[in-house]
Amino acid sequence: MKRREDIGLLLLRVVLGLVFLVHGWAKFQGGIEKTVGFFATLGLPGFLAYVVAVIELVGGLLMILGLGTRVISALFALVMLGAILTAKLSAGFLGGYELDFMLLAASVCLLLAGSTMWACDSLFRRKK
């Protein structure tokens, strides 16, 4: 049974990392200034757009590799909570924050459970 759980967490980790990696890449690819402007319309400081984009891009890659899974998951959860509360909540659940809510839940799941299968973190663990 433990093997199935490990495979499930691996799948969740890789897919979550891929989703955030692509979203972070898109923020830079489309011109980070657009994201800075969007943050300004929400009343948020523009530098937070860079912070979020880097967390998504670099964090996505690290998540796929399994490096700092719990730390990156916590950062992803904060980003999603911020997105829901500042930009998506007023739109409602359907067509609003349902994806963000799912990404938040997946991030919290990996924060709590971790994911060790095929994770680079395992290279730094002490053998028991």
C-alpha atoms as a PDB file:
ATOM      1  CA  MET A   1       0.000   0.000   0.000  1.00  0.00           C
ATOM      2  CA  LYS A   2       2.842   2.411   0.783  1.00  0.00           C
ATOM      3  CA  ARG A   3       4.101   2.037  -2.792  1.00  0.00           C
ATOM      4  CA  ARG A   4       0.761   3.228  -4.233  1.00  0.00           C
ATOM      5  CA  GLU A   5       0.752   6.249  -1.937  1.00  0.00           C
ATOM      6  CA  ASP A   6       4.298   7.108  -3.013  1.00  0.00           C
ATOM      7  CA  ILE A   7       3.327   6.859  -6.689  1.00  0.00           C
ATOM      8  CA  GLY A   8       0.278   9.060  -6.077  1.00  0.00           C
ATOM      9  CA  LEU A   9       2.359  11.705  -4.299  1.00  0.00           C
ATOM     10  CA  LEU A  10       4.976  11.554  -7.065  1.00  0.00           C
ATOM     11  CA  LEU A  11       2.294  12.131  -9.689  1.00  0.00           C
ATOM     12  CA  LEU A  12       0.817  15.006  -7.680  1.00  0.00           C
ATOM     13  CA  ARG A  13       4.270  16.558  -7.159  1.00  0.00           C
ATOM     14  CA  VAL A  14       5.249  16.404 -10.831  1.00  0.00           C
ATOM     15  CA  VAL A  15       1.915  17.695 -12.152  1.00  0.00           C
ATOM     16  CA  LEU A  16       1.756  20.494  -9.569  1.00  0.00           C
ATOM     17  CA  GLY A  17       5.324  21.471 -10.410  1.00  0.00           C
ATOM     18  CA  LEU A  18       4.556  21.473 -14.124  1.00  0.00           C
ATOM     19  CA  VAL A  19       1.452  23.658 -13.677  1.00  0.00           C
ATOM     20  CA  PHE A  20       3.372  26.234 -11.639  1.00  0.00           C
ATOM     21  CA  LEU A  21       6.412  26.106 -13.936  1.00  0.00           C
ATOM     22  CA  VAL A  22       4.259  26.859 -16.995  1.00  0.00           C
ATOM     23  CA  HIS A  23       2.379  29.655 -15.205  1.00  0.00           C
ATOM     24  CA  GLY A  24       5.646  31.232 -14.049  1.00  0.00           C
ATOM     25  CA  TRP A  25       7.140  30.925 -17.530  1.00  0.00           C
ATOM     26  CA  ALA A  26       4.037  32.562 -19.034  1.00  0.00           C
ATOM     27  CA  LYS A  27       4.383  35.543 -16.703  1.00  0.00           C
ATOM     28  CA  PHE A  28       7.887  36.226 -18.005  1.00  0.00           C
ATOM     29  CA  GLN A  29       7.173  35.204 -21.595  1.00  0.00           C
ATOM     30  CA  GLY A  30       4.180  37.533 -21.925  1.00  0.00           C
ATOM     31  CA  GLY A  31       6.089  40.402 -20.371  1.00  0.00           C
ATOM     32  CA  ILE A  32       6.322  40.641 -16.614  1.00  0.00           C
ATOM     33  CA  GLU A  33       5.200  44.268 -16.883  1.00  0.00           C
ATOM     34  CA  LYS A  34       1.668  43.050 -17.617  1.00  0.00           C
ATOM     35  CA  THR A  35       1.666  41.085 -14.378  1.00  0.00           C
ATOM     36  CA  VAL A  36       3.122  44.059 -12.511  1.00  0.00           C
ATOM     37  CA  GLY A  37       0.284  46.194 -13.893  1.00  0.00           C
ATOM     38  CA  PHE A  38      -2.318  43.613 -12.915  1.00  0.00           C
ATOM     39  CA  PHE A  39      -0.954  43.497  -9.364  1.00  0.00           C
ATOM     40  CA  ALA A  40      -1.152  47.307  -9.241  1.00  0.00           C
ATOM     41  CA  THR A  41      -4.857  47.182 -10.198  1.00  0.00           C
ATOM     42  CA  LEU A  42      -5.365  44.928  -7.162  1.00  0.00           C
ATOM     43  CA  GLY A  43      -3.597  47.444  -4.937  1.00  0.00           C
ATOM     44  CA  LEU A  44      -0.528  45.234  -4.537  1.00  0.00           C
ATOM     45  CA  PRO A  45       3.054  46.431  -4.905  1.00  0.00           C
ATOM     46  CA  GLY A  46       4.517  45.670  -8.324  1.00  0.00           C
ATOM     47  CA  PHE A  47       7.573  43.848  -6.962  1.00  0.00           C
ATOM     48  CA  LEU A  48       5.254  41.085  -5.722  1.00  0.00           C
ATOM     49  CA  ALA A  49       4.662  40.144  -9.361  1.00  0.00           C
ATOM     50  CA  TYR A  50       8.344  39.278  -9.644  1.00  0.00           C
ATOM     51  CA  VAL A  51       8.255  37.342  -6.376  1.00  0.00           C
ATOM     52  CA  VAL A  52       5.228  35.319  -7.469  1.00  0.00           C
ATOM     53  CA  ALA A  53       6.626  34.682 -10.954  1.00  0.00           C
ATOM     54  CA  VAL A  54       9.955  33.454  -9.561  1.00  0.00           C
ATOM     55  CA  ILE A  55       8.215  31.242  -6.979  1.00  0.00           C
ATOM     56  CA  GLU A  56       6.113  29.733  -9.748  1.00  0.00           C
ATOM     57  CA  LEU A  57       8.942  29.280 -12.265  1.00  0.00           C
ATOM     58  CA  VAL A  58      11.804  28.176 -10.011  1.00  0.00           C
ATOM     59  CA  GLY A  59       9.503  26.492  -7.500  1.00  0.00           C
ATOM     60  CA  GLY A  60       7.837  24.539 -10.285  1.00  0.00           C
ATOM     61  CA  LEU A  61      11.174  23.201 -11.467  1.00  0.00           C
ATOM     62  CA  LEU A  62      12.285  22.372  -7.921  1.00  0.00           C
ATOM     63  CA  MET A  63       8.962  20.637  -7.258  1.00  0.00           C
ATOM     64  CA  ILE A  64       9.361  18.446 -10.350  1.00  0.00           C
ATOM     65  CA  LEU A  65      12.872  17.537  -9.203  1.00  0.00           C
ATOM     66  CA  GLY A  66      11.701  16.940  -5.650  1.00  0.00           C
ATOM     67  CA  LEU A  67      14.020  19.510  -4.095  1.00  0.00           C
ATOM     68  CA  GLY A  68      12.555  21.255  -1.059  1.00  0.00           C
ATOM     69  CA  THR A  69       9.101  19.834  -1.716  1.00  0.00           C
ATOM     70  CA  ARG A  70       7.610  20.928   1.599  1.00  0.00           C
ATOM     71  CA  VAL A  71       9.094  24.433   1.497  1.00  0.00           C
ATOM     72  CA  ILE A  72       8.028  24.980  -2.110  1.00  0.00           C
ATOM     73  CA  SER A  73       4.570  23.597  -1.288  1.00  0.00           C
ATOM     74  CA  ALA A  74       4.216  26.152   1.496  1.00  0.00           C
ATOM     75  CA  LEU A  75       5.194  28.951  -0.905  1.00  0.00           C
ATOM     76  CA  PHE A  76       2.735  27.667  -3.522  1.00  0.00           C
ATOM     77  CA  ALA A  77      -0.008  27.564  -0.885  1.00  0.00           C
ATOM     78  CA  LEU A  78       0.705  31.183   0.079  1.00  0.00           C
ATOM     79  CA  VAL A  79       0.623  32.262  -3.571  1.00  0.00           C
ATOM     80  CA  MET A  80      -2.704  30.485  -4.140  1.00  0.00           C
ATOM     81  CA  LEU A  81      -4.223  31.856  -0.952  1.00  0.00           C
ATOM     82  CA  GLY A  82      -3.145  35.337  -2.032  1.00  0.00           C
ATOM     83  CA  ALA A  83      -4.583  34.844  -5.529  1.00  0.00           C
ATOM     84  CA  ILE A  84      -7.908  33.645  -4.159  1.00  0.00           C
ATOM     85  CA  LEU A  85      -8.254  36.426  -1.596  1.00  0.00           C
ATOM     86  CA  THR A  86      -7.082  39.320  -3.777  1.00  0.00           C
ATOM     87  CA  ALA A  87      -8.126  38.470  -7.330  1.00  0.00           C
ATOM     88  CA  LYS A  88     -10.527  35.545  -7.560  1.00  0.00           C
ATOM     89  CA  LEU A  89     -12.884  35.466  -4.574  1.00  0.00           C
ATOM     90  CA  SER A  90     -15.301  38.040  -5.964  1.00  0.00           C
ATOM     91  CA  ALA A  91     -15.759  35.946  -9.140  1.00  0.00           C
ATOM     92  CA  GLY A  92     -17.158  33.048  -7.113  1.00  0.00           C
ATOM     93  CA  PHE A  93     -16.181  29.395  -7.148  1.00  0.00           C
ATOM     94  CA  LEU A  94     -17.161  28.317 -10.680  1.00  0.00           C
ATOM     95  CA  GLY A  95     -15.297  30.385 -13.236  1.00  0.00           C
ATOM     96  CA  GLY A  96     -13.446  32.074 -10.416  1.00  0.00           C
ATOM     97  CA  TYR A  97     -11.203  30.379  -7.925  1.00  0.00           C
ATOM     98  CA  GLU A  98     -11.894  26.644  -8.390  1.00  0.00           C
ATOM     99  CA  LEU A  99      -8.510  25.975 -10.047  1.00  0.00           C
ATOM    100  CA  ASP A 100      -6.690  28.072  -7.466  1.00  0.00           C
ATOM    101  CA  PHE A 101      -8.516  26.209  -4.703  1.00  0.00           C
ATOM    102  CA  MET A 102      -7.442  22.858  -6.176  1.00  0.00           C
ATOM    103  CA  LEU A 103      -3.825  24.029  -6.487  1.00  0.00           C
ATOM    104  CA  LEU A 104      -3.994  25.239  -2.873  1.00  0.00           C
ATOM    105  CA  ALA A 105      -5.293  21.827  -1.743  1.00  0.00           C
ATOM    106  CA  ALA A 106      -2.593  19.969  -3.713  1.00  0.00           C
ATOM    107  CA  SER A 107       0.082  22.234  -2.237  1.00  0.00           C
ATOM    108  CA  VAL A 108      -1.154  21.647   1.311  1.00  0.00           C
ATOM    109  CA  CYS A 109      -1.280  17.896   0.648  1.00  0.00           C
ATOM    110  CA  LEU A 110       2.392  17.877  -0.389  1.00  0.00           C
ATOM    111  CA  LEU A 111       3.291  20.203   2.471  1.00  0.00           C
ATOM    112  CA  LEU A 112       1.841  17.697   4.936  1.00  0.00           C
ATOM    113  CA  ALA A 113       2.819  14.421   3.261  1.00  0.00           C
ATOM    114  CA  GLY A 114       5.940  15.268   1.301  1.00  0.00           C
ATOM    115  CA  SER A 115       6.959  13.216  -1.704  1.00  0.00           C
ATOM    116  CA  THR A 116      10.108  11.129  -1.579  1.00  0.00           C
ATOM    117  CA  MET A 117       9.823   8.851  -4.607  1.00  0.00           C
ATOM    118  CA  TRP A 118      12.344   9.905  -7.275  1.00  0.00           C
ATOM    119  CA  ALA A 119      12.998  13.100  -5.312  1.00  0.00           C
ATOM    120  CA  CYS A 120      16.401  14.775  -5.248  1.00  0.00           C
ATOM    121  CA  ASP A 121      15.770  15.487  -1.548  1.00  0.00           C
ATOM    122  CA  SER A 122      16.414  11.793  -0.888  1.00  0.00           C
ATOM    123  CA  LEU A 123      20.043  12.327  -1.909  1.00  0.00           C
ATOM    124  CA  PHE A 124      20.516  14.516   1.162  1.00  0.00           C
ATOM    125  CA  ARG A 125      18.784  12.307   3.737  1.00  0.00           C
ATOM    126  CA  ARG A 126      20.684  10.224   6.202  1.00  0.00           C
ATOM    127  CA  LYS A 127      20.326   6.508   5.852  1.00  0.00           C
ATOM    128  CA  LYS A 128      18.661   4.824   8.813  1.00  0.00           C
END
